Amino acid sequence: MSEDKKDDVALTAAGSRFLRGIFDVEMSVVDEEVEGKILFHERHEGPPGHAHGGSIATVMDELMGCAAFMKGYMALAAHLELDYRKPVPLHTSMIGKTQIVKEGNRSVHVKGQLCREDSGLLLVESSAVFVHIGGSKFMEMNEDKNNSQKFSG
């Protein structure tokens, strides 16, 4: 594996370049679970003073995907679901937490929560199914721009 590809794999464990380029997120592993400290800004705004649901979904997808990656899955999201319990305010520190809830041969199910850091108030719950495509196929995706990788077995 080339040095560039090794760097790409390391970046996946800390969140994608996309995530780190657009969002203010600090990820860490705590008790074998991926946690992220998140701050949404005006560029993430949907309703006045609050984060857009798509911005929230992007962050939760990345957190849950990193949880799958940290367990050894080179996986892509096949299903993503979010329940928005309360609006997520801008400029307020949030904590995202993830938990692996089920592992299969080719899939991993992950749950997540987004809470206010100051009060612990639950704002968003998420769940996802990631499909393991294997390390070689995962890395080949960068080489094949016309890739039509299928998600099913």
N, C-alpha and C. Protein backbone atom coordinates (compact mmCIF):
# COMPACT_ATOMS: atom_id res chain seq x y z
N MET A 1 0.85 -1.17 0.00
CA MET A 1 0.00 0.00 0.00
C MET A 1 0.90 1.24 0.00
N SER A 2 0.56 2.20 -0.85
CA SER A 2 1.37 3.41 -0.93
C SER A 2 1.19 4.25 0.32
N GLU A 3 2.13 5.17 0.56
CA GLU A 3 2.03 6.05 1.73
C GLU A 3 0.77 6.90 1.67
N ASP A 4 0.38 7.37 0.46
CA ASP A 4 -0.83 8.16 0.33
C ASP A 4 -2.05 7.37 0.79
N LYS A 5 -2.12 6.09 0.42
CA LYS A 5 -3.26 5.28 0.81
C LYS A 5 -3.25 5.01 2.30
N LYS A 6 -2.09 4.83 2.91
CA LYS A 6 -2.02 4.66 4.36
C LYS A 6 -2.55 5.91 5.04
N ASP A 7 -2.21 7.09 4.52
CA ASP A 7 -2.71 8.33 5.09
C ASP A 7 -4.22 8.41 4.97
N ASP A 8 -4.76 7.98 3.82
CA ASP A 8 -6.20 8.01 3.62
C ASP A 8 -6.91 7.14 4.65
N VAL A 9 -6.36 5.96 4.94
CA VAL A 9 -6.97 5.07 5.93
C VAL A 9 -6.93 5.73 7.30
N ALA A 10 -5.82 6.34 7.66
CA ALA A 10 -5.71 7.02 8.96
C ALA A 10 -6.71 8.16 9.05
N LEU A 11 -6.91 8.88 7.96
CA LEU A 11 -7.86 9.98 7.98
C LEU A 11 -9.28 9.48 8.20
N THR A 12 -9.60 8.32 7.66
CA THR A 12 -10.93 7.77 7.84
C THR A 12 -11.22 7.52 9.31
N ALA A 13 -10.23 7.11 10.05
CA ALA A 13 -10.41 6.84 11.47
C ALA A 13 -10.69 8.12 12.25
N ALA A 14 -10.23 9.24 11.77
CA ALA A 14 -10.42 10.51 12.47
C ALA A 14 -11.52 11.34 11.83
N GLY A 15 -12.26 10.78 10.89
CA GLY A 15 -13.28 11.53 10.17
C GLY A 15 -12.74 11.89 8.79
N SER A 16 -13.61 11.94 7.85
CA SER A 16 -13.18 12.19 6.48
C SER A 16 -12.65 13.60 6.29
N ARG A 17 -11.91 13.78 5.22
CA ARG A 17 -11.43 15.14 4.88
C ARG A 17 -12.62 16.06 4.71
N PHE A 18 -13.69 15.53 4.10
CA PHE A 18 -14.90 16.31 3.89
C PHE A 18 -15.43 16.84 5.22
N LEU A 19 -15.59 15.95 6.20
CA LEU A 19 -16.14 16.34 7.49
C LEU A 19 -15.26 17.39 8.16
N ARG A 20 -13.97 17.12 8.20
CA ARG A 20 -13.06 18.04 8.89
C ARG A 20 -12.93 19.36 8.15
N GLY A 21 -13.20 19.37 6.84
CA GLY A 21 -13.11 20.61 6.07
C GLY A 21 -14.31 21.51 6.23
N ILE A 22 -15.45 20.94 6.62
CA ILE A 22 -16.69 21.71 6.67
C ILE A 22 -17.22 21.90 8.08
N PHE A 23 -16.94 20.96 8.96
CA PHE A 23 -17.50 21.01 10.30
C PHE A 23 -16.41 21.15 11.35
N ASP A 24 -16.79 21.72 12.48
CA ASP A 24 -15.90 21.88 13.62
C ASP A 24 -16.14 20.68 14.54
N VAL A 25 -15.37 19.59 14.29
CA VAL A 25 -15.57 18.33 14.99
C VAL A 25 -14.24 17.82 15.53
N GLU A 26 -14.24 17.39 16.78
CA GLU A 26 -13.08 16.72 17.38
C GLU A 26 -13.53 15.32 17.78
N MET A 27 -12.93 14.30 17.17
CA MET A 27 -13.33 12.92 17.47
C MET A 27 -12.34 12.25 18.40
N SER A 28 -12.87 11.32 19.21
CA SER A 28 -12.03 10.52 20.08
C SER A 28 -12.72 9.19 20.31
N VAL A 29 -11.94 8.23 20.81
CA VAL A 29 -12.49 6.93 21.17
C VAL A 29 -12.52 6.86 22.69
N VAL A 30 -13.71 6.60 23.23
CA VAL A 30 -13.91 6.52 24.68
C VAL A 30 -14.62 5.20 24.96
N ASP A 31 -13.98 4.35 25.75
CA ASP A 31 -14.57 3.04 26.09
C ASP A 31 -15.04 2.29 24.84
N GLU A 32 -14.20 2.24 23.82
CA GLU A 32 -14.46 1.55 22.56
C GLU A 32 -15.63 2.13 21.77
N GLU A 33 -16.04 3.34 22.09
CA GLU A 33 -17.09 4.03 21.34
C GLU A 33 -16.51 5.33 20.80
N VAL A 34 -16.96 5.71 19.60
CA VAL A 34 -16.51 6.96 19.00
C VAL A 34 -17.38 8.09 19.52
N GLU A 35 -16.72 9.13 20.00
CA GLU A 35 -17.40 10.35 20.45
C GLU A 35 -16.88 11.52 19.65
N GLY A 36 -17.73 12.50 19.48
CA GLY A 36 -17.31 13.71 18.80
C GLY A 36 -17.84 14.93 19.51
N LYS A 37 -16.99 15.94 19.60
CA LYS A 37 -17.42 17.24 20.10
C LYS A 37 -17.67 18.09 18.87
N ILE A 38 -18.88 18.61 18.74
CA ILE A 38 -19.31 19.28 17.51
C ILE A 38 -19.80 20.68 17.83
N LEU A 39 -19.49 21.60 16.92
CA LEU A 39 -20.00 22.96 17.01
C LEU A 39 -20.50 23.35 15.62
N PHE A 40 -21.79 23.67 15.52
CA PHE A 40 -22.37 24.10 14.25
C PHE A 40 -22.32 25.63 14.17
N HIS A 41 -22.03 26.13 12.97
CA HIS A 41 -21.89 27.58 12.73
C HIS A 41 -22.94 28.05 11.72
N GLU A 42 -22.92 29.33 11.37
CA GLU A 42 -23.88 29.90 10.42
C GLU A 42 -23.93 29.14 9.10
N ARG A 43 -22.80 28.65 8.63
CA ARG A 43 -22.79 27.94 7.34
C ARG A 43 -23.57 26.63 7.40
N HIS A 44 -23.94 26.19 8.59
CA HIS A 44 -24.72 24.96 8.78
C HIS A 44 -26.18 25.26 9.08
N GLU A 45 -26.57 26.53 9.00
CA GLU A 45 -27.89 26.96 9.45
C GLU A 45 -29.01 26.48 8.53
N GLY A 46 -30.08 26.04 9.17
CA GLY A 46 -31.34 25.71 8.51
C GLY A 46 -32.36 26.69 9.05
N PRO A 47 -33.15 26.28 10.06
CA PRO A 47 -34.04 27.24 10.71
C PRO A 47 -33.20 28.33 11.40
N PRO A 48 -33.73 29.54 11.50
CA PRO A 48 -32.94 30.63 12.10
C PRO A 48 -32.33 30.24 13.45
N GLY A 49 -30.99 30.36 13.53
CA GLY A 49 -30.27 30.10 14.76
C GLY A 49 -30.03 28.63 15.06
N HIS A 50 -30.39 27.75 14.14
CA HIS A 50 -30.27 26.31 14.37
C HIS A 50 -29.66 25.59 13.18
N ALA A 51 -29.08 24.43 13.44
CA ALA A 51 -28.42 23.64 12.39
C ALA A 51 -29.45 23.02 11.44
N HIS A 52 -29.06 22.95 10.18
CA HIS A 52 -29.86 22.29 9.15
C HIS A 52 -29.83 20.78 9.39
N GLY A 53 -30.94 20.12 9.17
CA GLY A 53 -31.02 18.67 9.38
C GLY A 53 -30.01 17.90 8.55
N GLY A 54 -29.71 18.36 7.35
CA GLY A 54 -28.72 17.68 6.51
C GLY A 54 -27.32 17.79 7.09
N SER A 55 -27.02 18.92 7.72
CA SER A 55 -25.72 19.07 8.39
C SER A 55 -25.61 18.11 9.56
N ILE A 56 -26.68 18.00 10.31
CA ILE A 56 -26.70 17.09 11.46
C ILE A 56 -26.54 15.65 10.97
N ALA A 57 -27.26 15.30 9.91
CA ALA A 57 -27.19 13.93 9.37
C ALA A 57 -25.78 13.61 8.90
N THR A 58 -25.12 14.57 8.28
CA THR A 58 -23.75 14.35 7.80
C THR A 58 -22.82 14.04 8.96
N VAL A 59 -22.91 14.81 10.02
CA VAL A 59 -22.04 14.60 11.18
C VAL A 59 -22.32 13.24 11.83
N MET A 60 -23.59 12.90 11.98
CA MET A 60 -23.92 11.61 12.61
C MET A 60 -23.50 10.44 11.73
N ASP A 61 -23.65 10.57 10.42
CA ASP A 61 -23.18 9.54 9.49
C ASP A 61 -21.68 9.31 9.67
N GLU A 62 -20.92 10.37 9.75
CA GLU A 62 -19.47 10.26 9.92
C GLU A 62 -19.10 9.64 11.26
N LEU A 63 -19.74 10.07 12.33
CA LEU A 63 -19.44 9.50 13.65
C LEU A 63 -19.73 8.01 13.67
N MET A 64 -20.89 7.63 13.14
CA MET A 64 -21.25 6.21 13.15
C MET A 64 -20.35 5.41 12.20
N GLY A 65 -20.00 6.01 11.06
CA GLY A 65 -19.08 5.34 10.13
C GLY A 65 -17.71 5.13 10.74
N CYS A 66 -17.26 6.10 11.51
CA CYS A 66 -15.96 5.95 12.19
C CYS A 66 -16.03 4.85 13.25
N ALA A 67 -17.18 4.70 13.90
CA ALA A 67 -17.33 3.61 14.88
C ALA A 67 -17.19 2.27 14.18
N ALA A 68 -17.81 2.13 12.99
CA ALA A 68 -17.67 0.89 12.22
C ALA A 68 -16.23 0.68 11.81
N PHE A 69 -15.57 1.74 11.35
CA PHE A 69 -14.17 1.65 10.92
C PHE A 69 -13.27 1.22 12.07
N MET A 70 -13.50 1.79 13.25
CA MET A 70 -12.66 1.47 14.41
C MET A 70 -12.81 0.00 14.83
N LYS A 71 -13.92 -0.63 14.46
CA LYS A 71 -14.12 -2.06 14.74
C LYS A 71 -13.57 -2.93 13.60
N GLY A 72 -12.94 -2.30 12.60
CA GLY A 72 -12.31 -3.06 11.53
C GLY A 72 -13.12 -3.19 10.26
N TYR A 73 -14.25 -2.51 10.18
CA TYR A 73 -15.07 -2.58 8.97
C TYR A 73 -14.66 -1.50 7.98
N MET A 74 -14.36 -1.90 6.76
CA MET A 74 -14.19 -0.96 5.66
C MET A 74 -15.54 -0.92 4.99
N ALA A 75 -16.39 0.00 5.42
CA ALA A 75 -17.80 -0.07 5.10
C ALA A 75 -18.36 1.23 4.55
N LEU A 76 -19.47 1.08 3.87
CA LEU A 76 -20.23 2.21 3.34
C LEU A 76 -21.62 2.18 3.96
N ALA A 77 -22.20 3.36 4.13
CA ALA A 77 -23.55 3.43 4.68
C ALA A 77 -24.54 2.88 3.66
N ALA A 78 -25.40 1.97 4.13
CA ALA A 78 -26.47 1.44 3.30
C ALA A 78 -27.83 1.98 3.76
N HIS A 79 -27.92 2.32 5.04
CA HIS A 79 -29.17 2.85 5.59
C HIS A 79 -28.80 3.83 6.71
N LEU A 80 -29.45 4.98 6.69
CA LEU A 80 -29.21 6.01 7.71
C LEU A 80 -30.56 6.57 8.14
N GLU A 81 -30.77 6.63 9.45
CA GLU A 81 -32.05 7.13 9.97
C GLU A 81 -31.78 8.06 11.14
N LEU A 82 -32.49 9.19 11.17
CA LEU A 82 -32.35 10.14 12.27
C LEU A 82 -33.71 10.52 12.80
N ASP A 83 -33.81 10.66 14.12
CA ASP A 83 -34.98 11.20 14.78
C ASP A 83 -34.55 12.51 15.43
N TYR A 84 -35.10 13.60 14.91
CA TYR A 84 -34.77 14.93 15.42
C TYR A 84 -35.73 15.23 16.57
N ARG A 85 -35.22 15.13 17.81
CA ARG A 85 -36.05 15.31 19.00
C ARG A 85 -36.29 16.79 19.32
N LYS A 86 -35.25 17.59 19.15
CA LYS A 86 -35.32 19.03 19.42
C LYS A 86 -34.37 19.73 18.46
N PRO A 87 -34.63 21.02 18.15
CA PRO A 87 -33.72 21.76 17.27
C PRO A 87 -32.31 21.84 17.87
N VAL A 88 -31.31 21.82 17.01
CA VAL A 88 -29.90 21.88 17.42
C VAL A 88 -29.41 23.31 17.21
N PRO A 89 -29.15 24.03 18.31
CA PRO A 89 -28.74 25.44 18.19
C PRO A 89 -27.32 25.59 17.65
N LEU A 90 -27.11 26.68 16.94
CA LEU A 90 -25.76 27.03 16.48
C LEU A 90 -24.93 27.52 17.66
N HIS A 91 -23.62 27.47 17.52
CA HIS A 91 -22.66 28.02 18.51
C HIS A 91 -22.84 27.43 19.91
N THR A 92 -23.29 26.19 19.99
CA THR A 92 -23.48 25.50 21.26
C THR A 92 -22.77 24.16 21.15
N SER A 93 -21.87 23.88 22.07
CA SER A 93 -21.12 22.62 22.01
C SER A 93 -22.04 21.42 22.17
N MET A 94 -21.86 20.48 21.24
CA MET A 94 -22.64 19.24 21.23
C MET A 94 -21.69 18.07 21.41
N ILE A 95 -22.22 16.99 21.96
CA ILE A 95 -21.46 15.74 22.06
C ILE A 95 -22.24 14.68 21.28
N GLY A 96 -21.56 14.07 20.33
CA GLY A 96 -22.13 12.95 19.59
C GLY A 96 -21.50 11.67 20.11
N LYS A 97 -22.33 10.68 20.39
CA LYS A 97 -21.84 9.39 20.88
C LYS A 97 -22.39 8.29 20.00
N THR A 98 -21.58 7.25 19.81
CA THR A 98 -22.00 6.13 18.98
C THR A 98 -21.82 4.82 19.74
N GLN A 99 -22.54 3.81 19.26
CA GLN A 99 -22.44 2.49 19.88
C GLN A 99 -22.75 1.43 18.81
N ILE A 100 -21.86 0.45 18.69
CA ILE A 100 -22.11 -0.69 17.82
C ILE A 100 -23.16 -1.55 18.52
N VAL A 101 -24.27 -1.86 17.83
CA VAL A 101 -25.32 -2.65 18.46
C VAL A 101 -25.46 -4.05 17.88
N LYS A 102 -24.94 -4.27 16.68
CA LYS A 102 -25.03 -5.60 16.07
C LYS A 102 -23.98 -5.71 14.97
N GLU A 103 -23.31 -6.87 14.94
CA GLU A 103 -22.32 -7.14 13.91
C GLU A 103 -22.70 -8.42 13.17
N GLY A 104 -22.58 -8.37 11.85
CA GLY A 104 -22.83 -9.54 11.03
C GLY A 104 -21.60 -9.83 10.18
N ASN A 105 -21.74 -10.75 9.24
CA ASN A 105 -20.61 -11.08 8.36
C ASN A 105 -20.20 -9.89 7.50
N ARG A 106 -21.19 -9.21 6.95
CA ARG A 106 -20.90 -8.11 6.03
C ARG A 106 -21.50 -6.78 6.48
N SER A 107 -22.13 -6.74 7.62
CA SER A 107 -22.77 -5.50 8.03
C SER A 107 -22.53 -5.22 9.52
N VAL A 108 -22.68 -3.97 9.84
CA VAL A 108 -22.58 -3.54 11.23
C VAL A 108 -23.66 -2.48 11.45
N HIS A 109 -24.39 -2.62 12.57
CA HIS A 109 -25.46 -1.70 12.92
C HIS A 109 -24.94 -0.79 14.04
N VAL A 110 -25.14 0.49 13.86
CA VAL A 110 -24.61 1.48 14.80
C VAL A 110 -25.72 2.43 15.22
N LYS A 111 -25.73 2.80 16.49
CA LYS A 111 -26.66 3.81 17.00
C LYS A 111 -25.85 5.03 17.43
N GLY A 112 -26.50 6.17 17.39
CA GLY A 112 -25.84 7.39 17.82
C GLY A 112 -26.80 8.35 18.51
N GLN A 113 -26.22 9.26 19.24
CA GLN A 113 -26.98 10.32 19.91
C GLN A 113 -26.20 11.62 19.79
N LEU A 114 -26.94 12.71 19.67
CA LEU A 114 -26.36 14.04 19.70
C LEU A 114 -27.01 14.78 20.86
N CYS A 115 -26.19 15.22 21.81
CA CYS A 115 -26.68 15.88 23.03
C CYS A 115 -25.95 17.21 23.22
N ARG A 116 -26.62 18.11 23.93
CA ARG A 116 -25.96 19.35 24.34
C ARG A 116 -24.86 18.98 25.32
N GLU A 117 -23.69 19.59 25.18
CA GLU A 117 -22.61 19.30 26.12
C GLU A 117 -22.92 19.86 27.50
N ASP A 118 -23.51 21.04 27.57
CA ASP A 118 -23.73 21.70 28.86
C ASP A 118 -24.77 21.02 29.74
N SER A 119 -25.83 20.49 29.15
CA SER A 119 -26.91 19.91 29.95
C SER A 119 -27.13 18.41 29.72
N GLY A 120 -26.54 17.87 28.66
CA GLY A 120 -26.75 16.46 28.32
C GLY A 120 -28.09 16.22 27.64
N LEU A 121 -28.84 17.27 27.35
CA LEU A 121 -30.16 17.14 26.72
C LEU A 121 -30.04 16.46 25.37
N LEU A 122 -30.81 15.39 25.17
CA LEU A 122 -30.82 14.64 23.92
C LEU A 122 -31.56 15.43 22.85
N LEU A 123 -30.88 15.68 21.72
CA LEU A 123 -31.49 16.42 20.63
C LEU A 123 -31.77 15.55 19.40
N VAL A 124 -30.89 14.59 19.14
CA VAL A 124 -31.02 13.75 17.95
C VAL A 124 -30.61 12.33 18.29
N GLU A 125 -31.38 11.37 17.78
CA GLU A 125 -31.01 9.95 17.85
C GLU A 125 -30.83 9.47 16.41
N SER A 126 -29.86 8.59 16.21
CA SER A 126 -29.60 8.10 14.86
C SER A 126 -29.29 6.61 14.89
N SER A 127 -29.48 5.99 13.73
CA SER A 127 -29.08 4.60 13.56
C SER A 127 -28.66 4.42 12.10
N ALA A 128 -27.78 3.45 11.89
CA ALA A 128 -27.29 3.21 10.55
C ALA A 128 -26.88 1.76 10.39
N VAL A 129 -26.94 1.31 9.16
CA VAL A 129 -26.39 0.01 8.78
C VAL A 129 -25.28 0.30 7.78
N PHE A 130 -24.10 -0.22 8.08
CA PHE A 130 -22.96 -0.08 7.18
C PHE A 130 -22.63 -1.45 6.62
N VAL A 131 -22.31 -1.50 5.34
CA VAL A 131 -21.99 -2.76 4.67
C VAL A 131 -20.49 -2.81 4.43
N HIS A 132 -19.89 -3.88 4.93
CA HIS A 132 -18.45 -4.10 4.80
C HIS A 132 -18.14 -4.52 3.36
N ILE A 133 -17.29 -3.74 2.69
CA ILE A 133 -16.92 -4.08 1.31
C ILE A 133 -15.49 -4.59 1.23
N GLY A 134 -14.77 -4.57 2.34
CA GLY A 134 -13.39 -5.05 2.35
C GLY A 134 -12.41 -3.93 2.05
N GLY A 135 -11.22 -4.08 2.59
CA GLY A 135 -10.19 -3.05 2.45
C GLY A 135 -9.76 -2.80 1.03
N SER A 136 -9.58 -3.85 0.23
CA SER A 136 -9.11 -3.65 -1.13
C SER A 136 -10.16 -2.93 -1.97
N LYS A 137 -11.42 -3.32 -1.86
CA LYS A 137 -12.48 -2.64 -2.61
C LYS A 137 -12.64 -1.19 -2.13
N PHE A 138 -12.51 -0.99 -0.83
CA PHE A 138 -12.62 0.35 -0.26
C PHE A 138 -11.56 1.27 -0.87
N MET A 139 -10.32 0.79 -0.92
CA MET A 139 -9.23 1.60 -1.45
C MET A 139 -9.32 1.76 -2.97
N GLU A 140 -9.86 0.75 -3.66
CA GLU A 140 -10.01 0.83 -5.11
C GLU A 140 -11.03 1.89 -5.51
N MET A 141 -11.93 2.26 -4.63
CA MET A 141 -12.94 3.26 -4.96
C MET A 141 -12.29 4.56 -5.40
N ASN A 142 -11.16 4.89 -4.81
CA ASN A 142 -10.45 6.10 -5.18
C ASN A 142 -9.85 5.99 -6.58
N GLU A 143 -9.50 4.78 -6.97
CA GLU A 143 -8.87 4.57 -8.27
C GLU A 143 -9.88 4.46 -9.40
N ASP A 144 -11.09 4.02 -9.12
CA ASP A 144 -12.10 3.81 -10.14
C ASP A 144 -13.19 4.88 -10.00
N LYS A 145 -13.07 5.95 -10.75
CA LYS A 145 -14.00 7.07 -10.66
C LYS A 145 -15.40 6.70 -11.14
N ASN A 146 -15.54 5.66 -11.94
CA ASN A 146 -16.84 5.21 -12.43
C ASN A 146 -17.34 4.00 -11.66
N ASN A 147 -16.91 3.87 -10.43
CA ASN A 147 -17.24 2.71 -9.61
C ASN A 147 -18.75 2.59 -9.43
N SER A 148 -19.25 1.40 -9.59
CA SER A 148 -20.68 1.14 -9.36
C SER A 148 -20.83 0.05 -8.30
N GLN A 149 -20.08 0.19 -7.21
CA GLN A 149 -20.12 -0.77 -6.11
C GLN A 149 -21.55 -0.99 -5.64
N LYS A 150 -21.95 -2.24 -5.55
CA LYS A 150 -23.28 -2.56 -5.04
C LYS A 150 -23.21 -2.76 -3.54
N PHE A 151 -24.28 -2.39 -2.85
CA PHE A 151 -24.32 -2.51 -1.41
C PHE A 151 -24.76 -3.88 -0.95
N SER A 152 -25.48 -4.61 -1.75
CA SER A 152 -26.01 -5.90 -1.30
C SER A 152 -25.02 -7.02 -1.55
N GLY A 153 -25.22 -8.14 -0.82
CA GLY A 153 -24.33 -9.28 -0.82
C GLY A 153 -24.14 -9.92 -2.13
